[in-house]
C-alpha cells in the first residue's frame, strides 16, 4: 500500500472500531486490525527490499 492507502485503511479501522453497527455482520474488525498490524510490521522490510532492488537494478544497467 502507498502512504495514502495506509492512511485510509488506518482511518477506516478507527471508524469501524468506533461504529461496528455500520458494517455488515460478516465483517470482522479484528481481522482488519490483524491485517493492518501485519502490514505495519512488514512495511520496513518492504522498503529495504525496494532499496536493494534499486541498487541491484542500477548495477545491472
PDB file of N, CA and C in Angstrom:
ATOM      1  N   UNK A   1       0.834  -1.185   0.000  1.00  0.00           N
ATOM      2  CA  UNK A   1       0.000   0.000   0.000  1.00  0.00           C
ATOM      3  C   UNK A   1       0.871   1.238   0.000  1.00  0.00           C
ATOM      4  N   UNK A   2       0.392   2.238  -0.653  1.00  0.00           N
ATOM      5  CA  UNK A   2       1.081   3.518  -0.617  1.00  0.00           C
ATOM      6  C   UNK A   2       0.700   4.279   0.652  1.00  0.00           C
ATOM      7  N   UNK A   3       1.338   5.416   0.851  1.00  0.00           N
ATOM      8  CA  UNK A   3       1.088   6.205   2.057  1.00  0.00           C
ATOM      9  C   UNK A   3      -0.370   6.636   2.188  1.00  0.00           C
ATOM     10  N   UNK A   4      -0.985   7.030   1.073  1.00  0.00           N
ATOM     11  CA  UNK A   4      -2.383   7.461   1.125  1.00  0.00           C
ATOM     12  C   UNK A   4      -3.303   6.297   1.458  1.00  0.00           C
ATOM     13  N   UNK A   5      -3.031   5.137   0.881  1.00  0.00           N
ATOM     14  CA  UNK A   5      -3.841   3.956   1.174  1.00  0.00           C
ATOM     15  C   UNK A   5      -3.689   3.533   2.624  1.00  0.00           C
ATOM     16  N   UNK A   6      -2.463   3.592   3.130  1.00  0.00           N
ATOM     17  CA  UNK A   6      -2.223   3.219   4.522  1.00  0.00           C
ATOM     18  C   UNK A   6      -2.995   4.156   5.455  1.00  0.00           C
ATOM     19  N   UNK A   7      -2.986   5.436   5.156  1.00  0.00           N
ATOM     20  CA  UNK A   7      -3.724   6.408   5.975  1.00  0.00           C
ATOM     21  C   UNK A   7      -5.223   6.125   5.914  1.00  0.00           C
ATOM     22  N   UNK A   8      -5.724   5.794   4.728  1.00  0.00           N
ATOM     23  CA  UNK A   8      -7.144   5.487   4.562  1.00  0.00           C
ATOM     24  C   UNK A   8      -7.533   4.258   5.375  1.00  0.00           C
ATOM     25  N   UNK A   9      -6.736   3.200   5.284  1.00  0.00           N
ATOM     26  CA  UNK A   9      -7.045   1.963   5.998  1.00  0.00           C
ATOM     27  C   UNK A   9      -6.984   2.182   7.507  1.00  0.00           C
ATOM     28  N   UNK A  10      -6.015   2.954   7.967  1.00  0.00           N
ATOM     29  CA  UNK A  10      -5.918   3.258   9.393  1.00  0.00           C
ATOM     30  C   UNK A  10      -7.160   4.001   9.861  1.00  0.00           C
ATOM     31  N   UNK A  11      -7.592   4.980   9.082  1.00  0.00           N
ATOM     32  CA  UNK A  11      -8.800   5.739   9.429  1.00  0.00           C
ATOM     33  C   UNK A  11     -10.036   4.839   9.368  1.00  0.00           C
ATOM     34  N   UNK A  12     -10.092   3.963   8.367  1.00  0.00           N
ATOM     35  CA  UNK A  12     -11.225   3.041   8.248  1.00  0.00           C
ATOM     36  C   UNK A  12     -11.306   2.120   9.465  1.00  0.00           C
ATOM     37  N   UNK A  13     -10.163   1.677   9.950  1.00  0.00           N
ATOM     38  CA  UNK A  13     -10.150   0.837  11.148  1.00  0.00           C
ATOM     39  C   UNK A  13     -10.674   1.617  12.352  1.00  0.00           C
ATOM     40  N   UNK A  14     -10.254   2.849  12.495  1.00  0.00           N
ATOM     41  CA  UNK A  14     -10.733   3.678  13.603  1.00  0.00           C
ATOM     42  C   UNK A  14     -12.252   3.828  13.544  1.00  0.00           C
ATOM     43  N   UNK A  15     -12.768   4.096  12.364  1.00  0.00           N
ATOM     44  CA  UNK A  15     -14.216   4.262  12.198  1.00  0.00           C
ATOM     45  C   UNK A  15     -14.936   2.940  12.471  1.00  0.00           C
ATOM     46  N   UNK A  16     -14.383   1.849  11.969  1.00  0.00           N
ATOM     47  CA  UNK A  16     -15.000   0.537  12.172  1.00  0.00           C
ATOM     48  C   UNK A  16     -15.034   0.157  13.649  1.00  0.00           C
ATOM     49  N   UNK A  17     -13.968   0.470  14.370  1.00  0.00           N
ATOM     50  CA  UNK A  17     -13.934   0.157  15.802  1.00  0.00           C
ATOM     51  C   UNK A  17     -14.904   1.034  16.595  1.00  0.00           C
ATOM     52  N   UNK A  18     -15.075   2.255  16.159  1.00  0.00           N
ATOM     53  CA  UNK A  18     -15.968   3.181  16.858  1.00  0.00           C
ATOM     54  C   UNK A  18     -17.439   2.963  16.508  1.00  0.00           C
ATOM     55  N   UNK A  19     -17.680   2.400  15.308  1.00  0.00           N
ATOM     56  CA  UNK A  19     -19.055   2.261  14.813  1.00  0.00           C
ATOM     57  C   UNK A  19     -19.281   0.883  14.193  1.00  0.00           C
ATOM     58  N   UNK A  20     -19.140  -0.180  14.945  1.00  0.00           N
ATOM     59  CA  UNK A  20     -19.266  -1.515  14.354  1.00  0.00           C
ATOM     60  C   UNK A  20     -20.658  -1.802  13.778  1.00  0.00           C
ATOM     61  N   UNK A  21     -21.658  -1.060  14.215  1.00  0.00           N
ATOM     62  CA  UNK A  21     -23.021  -1.296  13.730  1.00  0.00           C
ATOM     63  C   UNK A  21     -23.220  -0.898  12.263  1.00  0.00           C
ATOM     64  N   UNK A  22     -22.317  -0.109  11.695  1.00  0.00           N
ATOM     65  CA  UNK A  22     -22.475   0.308  10.299  1.00  0.00           C
ATOM     66  C   UNK A  22     -21.918  -0.722   9.319  1.00  0.00           C
ATOM     67  N   UNK A  23     -21.272  -1.748   9.839  1.00  0.00           N
ATOM     68  CA  UNK A  23     -20.648  -2.759   8.996  1.00  0.00           C
ATOM     69  C   UNK A  23     -21.551  -3.969   8.818  1.00  0.00           C
ATOM     70  N   UNK A  24     -21.382  -4.690   7.712  1.00  0.00           N
ATOM     71  CA  UNK A  24     -22.124  -5.943   7.561  1.00  0.00           C
ATOM     72  C   UNK A  24     -21.739  -6.920   8.671  1.00  0.00           C
ATOM     73  N   UNK A  25     -22.621  -7.835   8.997  1.00  0.00           N
ATOM     74  CA  UNK A  25     -22.361  -8.785  10.083  1.00  0.00           C
ATOM     75  C   UNK A  25     -21.125  -9.638   9.841  1.00  0.00           C
ATOM     76  N   UNK A  26     -20.866  -9.961   8.582  1.00  0.00           N
ATOM     77  CA  UNK A  26     -19.745 -10.845   8.264  1.00  0.00           C
ATOM     78  C   UNK A  26     -18.389 -10.146   8.381  1.00  0.00           C
ATOM     79  N   UNK A  27     -18.377  -8.825   8.491  1.00  0.00           N
ATOM     80  CA  UNK A  27     -17.122  -8.079   8.552  1.00  0.00           C
ATOM     81  C   UNK A  27     -16.535  -8.167   9.954  1.00  0.00           C
ATOM     82  N   UNK A  28     -15.297  -8.616  10.032  1.00  0.00           N
ATOM     83  CA  UNK A  28     -14.659  -8.771  11.340  1.00  0.00           C
ATOM     84  C   UNK A  28     -13.571  -7.715  11.519  1.00  0.00           C
ATOM     85  N   UNK A  29     -13.833  -6.784  12.410  1.00  0.00           N
ATOM     86  CA  UNK A  29     -12.907  -5.689  12.676  1.00  0.00           C
ATOM     87  C   UNK A  29     -11.572  -6.234  13.188  1.00  0.00           C
ATOM     88  N   UNK A  30     -11.625  -7.300  13.958  1.00  0.00           N
ATOM     89  CA  UNK A  30     -10.388  -7.881  14.492  1.00  0.00           C
ATOM     90  C   UNK A  30      -9.475  -8.374  13.371  1.00  0.00           C
ATOM     91  N   UNK A  31     -10.055  -8.877  12.291  1.00  0.00           N
ATOM     92  CA  UNK A  31      -9.257  -9.324  11.142  1.00  0.00           C
ATOM     93  C   UNK A  31      -8.603  -8.132  10.448  1.00  0.00           C
ATOM     94  N   UNK A  32      -9.340  -7.050  10.316  1.00  0.00           N
ATOM     95  CA  UNK A  32      -8.776  -5.836   9.720  1.00  0.00           C
ATOM     96  C   UNK A  32      -7.630  -5.325  10.580  1.00  0.00           C
ATOM     97  N   UNK A  33      -7.819  -5.340  11.898  1.00  0.00           N
ATOM     98  CA  UNK A  33      -6.775  -4.895  12.816  1.00  0.00           C
ATOM     99  C   UNK A  33      -5.527  -5.774  12.673  1.00  0.00           C
ATOM    100  N   UNK A  34      -5.716  -7.089  12.590  1.00  0.00           N
ATOM    101  CA  UNK A  34      -4.584  -8.002  12.414  1.00  0.00           C
ATOM    102  C   UNK A  34      -3.862  -7.736  11.102  1.00  0.00           C
ATOM    103  N   UNK A  35      -4.617  -7.530  10.037  1.00  0.00           N
ATOM    104  CA  UNK A  35      -4.006  -7.261   8.735  1.00  0.00           C
ATOM    105  C   UNK A  35      -3.201  -5.967   8.761  1.00  0.00           C
ATOM    106  N   UNK A  36      -3.745  -4.949   9.389  1.00  0.00           N
ATOM    107  CA  UNK A  36      -3.037  -3.672   9.463  1.00  0.00           C
ATOM    108  C   UNK A  36      -1.783  -3.799  10.328  1.00  0.00           C
ATOM    109  N   UNK A  37      -1.871  -4.542  11.404  1.00  0.00           N
ATOM    110  CA  UNK A  37      -0.710  -4.766  12.267  1.00  0.00           C
ATOM    111  C   UNK A  37       0.388  -5.496  11.497  1.00  0.00           C
ATOM    112  N   UNK A  38       0.005  -6.509  10.727  1.00  0.00           N
ATOM    113  CA  UNK A  38       0.975  -7.234   9.919  1.00  0.00           C
ATOM    114  C   UNK A  38       1.590  -6.327   8.860  1.00  0.00           C
ATOM    115  N   UNK A  39       0.775  -5.520   8.217  1.00  0.00           N
ATOM    116  CA  UNK A  39       1.293  -4.590   7.212  1.00  0.00           C
ATOM    117  C   UNK A  39       2.294  -3.622   7.836  1.00  0.00           C
ATOM    118  N   UNK A  40       1.984  -3.120   9.012  1.00  0.00           N
ATOM    119  CA  UNK A  40       2.892  -2.196   9.692  1.00  0.00           C
ATOM    120  C   UNK A  40       4.214  -2.876  10.044  1.00  0.00           C
ATOM    121  N   UNK A  41       4.144  -4.151  10.404  1.00  0.00           N
ATOM    122  CA  UNK A  41       5.362  -4.890  10.750  1.00  0.00           C
ATOM    123  C   UNK A  41       6.214  -5.170   9.512  1.00  0.00           C
ATOM    124  N   UNK A  42       5.570  -5.429   8.385  1.00  0.00           N
ATOM    125  CA  UNK A  42       6.300  -5.784   7.168  1.00  0.00           C
ATOM    126  C   UNK A  42       6.733  -4.577   6.334  1.00  0.00           C
ATOM    127  N   UNK A  43       6.156  -3.422   6.607  1.00  0.00           N
ATOM    128  CA  UNK A  43       6.458  -2.227   5.819  1.00  0.00           C
ATOM    129  C   UNK A  43       7.948  -1.897   5.781  1.00  0.00           C
ATOM    130  N   UNK A  44       8.653  -1.899   6.918  1.00  0.00           N
ATOM    131  CA  UNK A  44      10.098  -1.600   6.861  1.00  0.00           C
ATOM    132  C   UNK A  44      10.870  -2.615   6.008  1.00  0.00           C
ATOM    133  N   UNK A  45      10.489  -3.869   6.072  1.00  0.00           N
ATOM    134  CA  UNK A  45      11.140  -4.897   5.258  1.00  0.00           C
ATOM    135  C   UNK A  45      10.894  -4.610   3.778  1.00  0.00           C
ATOM    136  N   UNK A  46       9.676  -4.252   3.460  1.00  0.00           N
ATOM    137  CA  UNK A  46       9.327  -3.926   2.079  1.00  0.00           C
ATOM    138  C   UNK A  46      10.152  -2.751   1.560  1.00  0.00           C
ATOM    139  N   UNK A  47      10.327  -1.735   2.391  1.00  0.00           N
ATOM    140  CA  UNK A  47      11.113  -0.570   1.991  1.00  0.00           C
ATOM    141  C   UNK A  47      12.574  -0.958   1.770  1.00  0.00           C
ATOM    142  N   UNK A  48      13.112  -1.800   2.631  1.00  0.00           N
ATOM    143  CA  UNK A  48      14.500  -2.240   2.468  1.00  0.00           C
ATOM    144  C   UNK A  48      14.668  -3.064   1.201  1.00  0.00           C
ATOM    145  N   UNK A  49      13.698  -3.921   0.912  1.00  0.00           N
ATOM    146  CA  UNK A  49      13.767  -4.721  -0.314  1.00  0.00           C
ATOM    147  C   UNK A  49      13.672  -3.835  -1.562  1.00  0.00           C
ATOM    148  N   UNK A  50      12.863  -2.804  -1.501  1.00  0.00           N
ATOM    149  CA  UNK A  50      12.747  -1.884  -2.627  1.00  0.00           C
ATOM    150  C   UNK A  50      14.079  -1.168  -2.866  1.00  0.00           C
ATOM    151  N   UNK A  51      14.741  -0.755  -1.789  1.00  0.00           N
ATOM    152  CA  UNK A  51      16.044  -0.095  -1.923  1.00  0.00           C
ATOM    153  C   UNK A  51      17.076  -1.058  -2.493  1.00  0.00           C
ATOM    154  N   UNK A  52      17.075  -2.291  -2.011  1.00  0.00           N
ATOM    155  CA  UNK A  52      18.002  -3.292  -2.512  1.00  0.00           C
ATOM    156  C   UNK A  52      17.756  -3.561  -3.989  1.00  0.00           C
ATOM    157  N   UNK A  53      16.508  -3.654  -4.367  1.00  0.00           N
ATOM    158  CA  UNK A  53      16.151  -3.877  -5.764  1.00  0.00           C
ATOM    159  C   UNK A  53      16.655  -2.736  -6.651  1.00  0.00           C
ATOM    160  N   UNK A  54      16.518  -1.512  -6.175  1.00  0.00           N
ATOM    161  CA  UNK A  54      17.003  -0.356  -6.936  1.00  0.00           C
ATOM    162  C   UNK A  54      18.531  -0.420  -7.098  1.00  0.00           C
ATOM    163  N   UNK A  55      19.217  -0.798  -6.038  1.00  0.00           N
ATOM    164  CA  UNK A  55      20.672  -0.917  -6.120  1.00  0.00           C
ATOM    165  C   UNK A  55      21.097  -1.988  -7.124  1.00  0.00           C
ATOM    166  N   UNK A  56      20.445  -3.135  -7.054  1.00  0.00           N
ATOM    167  CA  UNK A  56      20.779  -4.226  -7.966  1.00  0.00           C
ATOM    168  C   UNK A  56      20.455  -3.826  -9.406  1.00  0.00           C
ATOM    169  N   UNK A  57      19.314  -3.222  -9.616  1.00  0.00           N
ATOM    170  CA  UNK A  57      18.953  -2.806 -10.976  1.00  0.00           C
ATOM    171  C   UNK A  57      19.916  -1.737 -11.490  1.00  0.00           C
ATOM    172  N   UNK A  58      20.375  -0.867 -10.614  1.00  0.00           N
ATOM    173  CA  UNK A  58      21.345   0.161 -11.006  1.00  0.00           C
ATOM    174  C   UNK A  58      22.683  -0.450 -11.398  1.00  0.00           C
ATOM    175  N   UNK A  59      23.056  -1.524 -10.730  1.00  0.00           N
ATOM    176  CA  UNK A  59      24.310  -2.197 -11.055  1.00  0.00           C
ATOM    177  C   UNK A  59      24.218  -2.946 -12.378  1.00  0.00           C
ATOM    178  N   UNK A  60      23.033  -3.402 -12.731  1.00  0.00           N
ATOM    179  CA  UNK A  60      22.843  -4.184 -13.957  1.00  0.00           C
ATOM    180  C   UNK A  60      22.651  -3.293 -15.176  1.00  0.00           C
ATOM    181  N   UNK A  61      22.327  -2.036 -14.943  1.00  0.00           N
ATOM    182  CA  UNK A  61      22.049  -1.130 -16.077  1.00  0.00           C
ATOM    183  C   UNK A  61      23.314  -0.643 -16.733  1.00  0.00           C
TER     184      UNK A  61
END
